[in-house]
Amino acid sequence: MISIKIIDKDSFNVTIDKDSKTEHIVSLNDQLHQDITNGKITKTDLVAESFKFLLKRESNQSILKKFDLKVINQYFPEYIDEIKKIIL
C-alpha cells in the first residue's frame, strides 16, 4: 500500500496504492528527524509512519503532492505527539 524510495538523504518519493495510486515527494531534514524520533527509527520509517498517520485522517488523493514533513503538524497539531507514542 505504501512504498518509499529514497531520492537523497533528505527527500523521499512515496507511492500510495489504495483506492487510486498517488505519488508524493516528501522532505525531511536531519534536525526534524532527530527532534521527532530522537534517532530511534530511520528517516524512511518516520516517513512511513507519517503517511499511516495521514491516511487515518484523509484519503491519499487529499495528501499534498510535495511537502516538508514539518507541515503535517500545521494541519494536524497532534501529529508529533502521536508519532512519538508509536515509536516509544
Protein backbone atom coordinates (compact mmCIF):
# COMPACT_ATOMS: atom_id res chain seq x y z
CA MET A 1 0.00 0.00 0.00
CA ILE A 2 2.80 2.48 0.88
CA SER A 3 6.13 2.24 -0.91
CA ILE A 4 9.01 4.61 -0.28
CA LYS A 5 12.05 5.28 -2.43
CA ILE A 6 14.92 7.40 -1.21
CA ILE A 7 15.71 10.25 -3.61
CA ASP A 8 18.54 11.65 -1.50
CA LYS A 9 19.31 11.90 2.23
CA ASP A 10 16.50 14.43 2.80
CA SER A 11 13.96 13.55 0.07
CA PHE A 12 11.65 10.60 -0.48
CA ASN A 13 9.26 9.50 -3.19
CA VAL A 14 6.18 7.94 -1.60
CA THR A 15 3.69 5.93 -3.64
CA ILE A 16 0.34 5.06 -2.14
CA ASP A 17 -1.74 2.42 -3.87
CA LYS A 18 -5.11 2.48 -2.16
CA ASP A 19 -8.34 3.35 -3.98
CA SER A 20 -6.19 5.10 -6.55
CA LYS A 21 -2.44 5.40 -6.96
CA THR A 22 -0.78 8.65 -5.88
CA GLU A 23 2.82 9.82 -5.68
CA HIS A 24 4.25 12.29 -3.21
CA ILE A 25 7.64 13.93 -2.75
CA VAL A 26 8.49 14.47 0.92
CA SER A 27 11.37 16.35 2.51
CA LEU A 28 12.74 15.52 5.95
CA ASN A 29 15.88 17.17 7.28
CA ASP A 30 18.14 15.69 9.95
CA GLN A 31 17.06 18.19 12.63
CA LEU A 32 13.34 17.41 12.33
CA HIS A 33 14.06 13.68 12.23
CA GLN A 34 16.08 13.97 15.44
CA ASP A 35 13.50 16.22 17.13
CA ILE A 36 10.65 13.80 16.47
CA THR A 37 12.36 10.41 16.85
CA ASN A 38 15.48 11.04 18.93
CA GLY A 39 17.17 8.71 16.43
CA LYS A 40 15.03 5.71 17.43
CA ILE A 41 13.80 4.99 13.90
CA THR A 42 15.16 5.72 10.43
CA LYS A 43 14.01 8.59 8.27
CA THR A 44 12.31 6.09 5.95
CA ASP A 45 10.40 4.59 8.88
CA LEU A 46 9.35 8.05 10.05
CA VAL A 47 8.05 8.87 6.58
CA ALA A 48 6.11 5.57 6.53
CA GLU A 49 4.60 6.20 9.99
CA SER A 50 3.73 9.75 8.95
CA PHE A 51 1.82 8.52 5.92
CA LYS A 52 -0.02 5.93 8.02
CA PHE A 53 -0.98 8.79 10.32
CA LEU A 54 -2.21 10.87 7.38
CA LEU A 55 -4.15 8.02 5.80
CA LYS A 56 -6.14 7.57 9.02
CA ARG A 57 -7.32 11.16 8.62
CA GLU A 58 -7.66 11.73 4.89
CA SER A 59 -7.60 9.97 1.54
CA ASN A 60 -4.38 9.61 -0.39
CA GLN A 61 -5.83 11.95 -3.04
CA SER A 62 -6.07 14.69 -0.38
CA ILE A 63 -2.43 14.45 0.71
CA LEU A 64 -0.21 17.16 -0.76
CA LYS A 65 1.87 16.05 -3.73
CA LYS A 66 5.02 17.75 -2.46
CA PHE A 67 5.69 18.85 1.11
CA ASP A 68 8.10 19.01 4.01
CA LEU A 69 7.17 16.61 6.80
CA LYS A 70 7.04 19.52 9.30
CA VAL A 71 3.86 20.88 7.66
CA ILE A 72 1.83 17.89 8.87
CA ASN A 73 1.85 19.44 12.34
CA GLN A 74 0.26 22.62 10.93
CA TYR A 75 -2.73 20.63 9.65
CA PHE A 76 -2.82 18.10 12.49
CA PRO A 77 -1.44 19.54 15.76
CA GLU A 78 -1.49 16.07 17.36
CA TYR A 79 0.93 14.66 14.74
CA ILE A 80 4.22 14.83 16.67
CA ASP A 81 2.70 13.52 19.91
CA GLU A 82 1.04 10.63 18.05
CA ILE A 83 4.24 9.68 16.24
CA LYS A 84 6.24 9.81 19.47
CA LYS A 85 3.73 7.42 21.08
CA ILE A 86 4.18 4.95 18.20
CA ILE A 87 7.98 4.89 18.35
CA LEU A 88 8.42 4.75 22.12
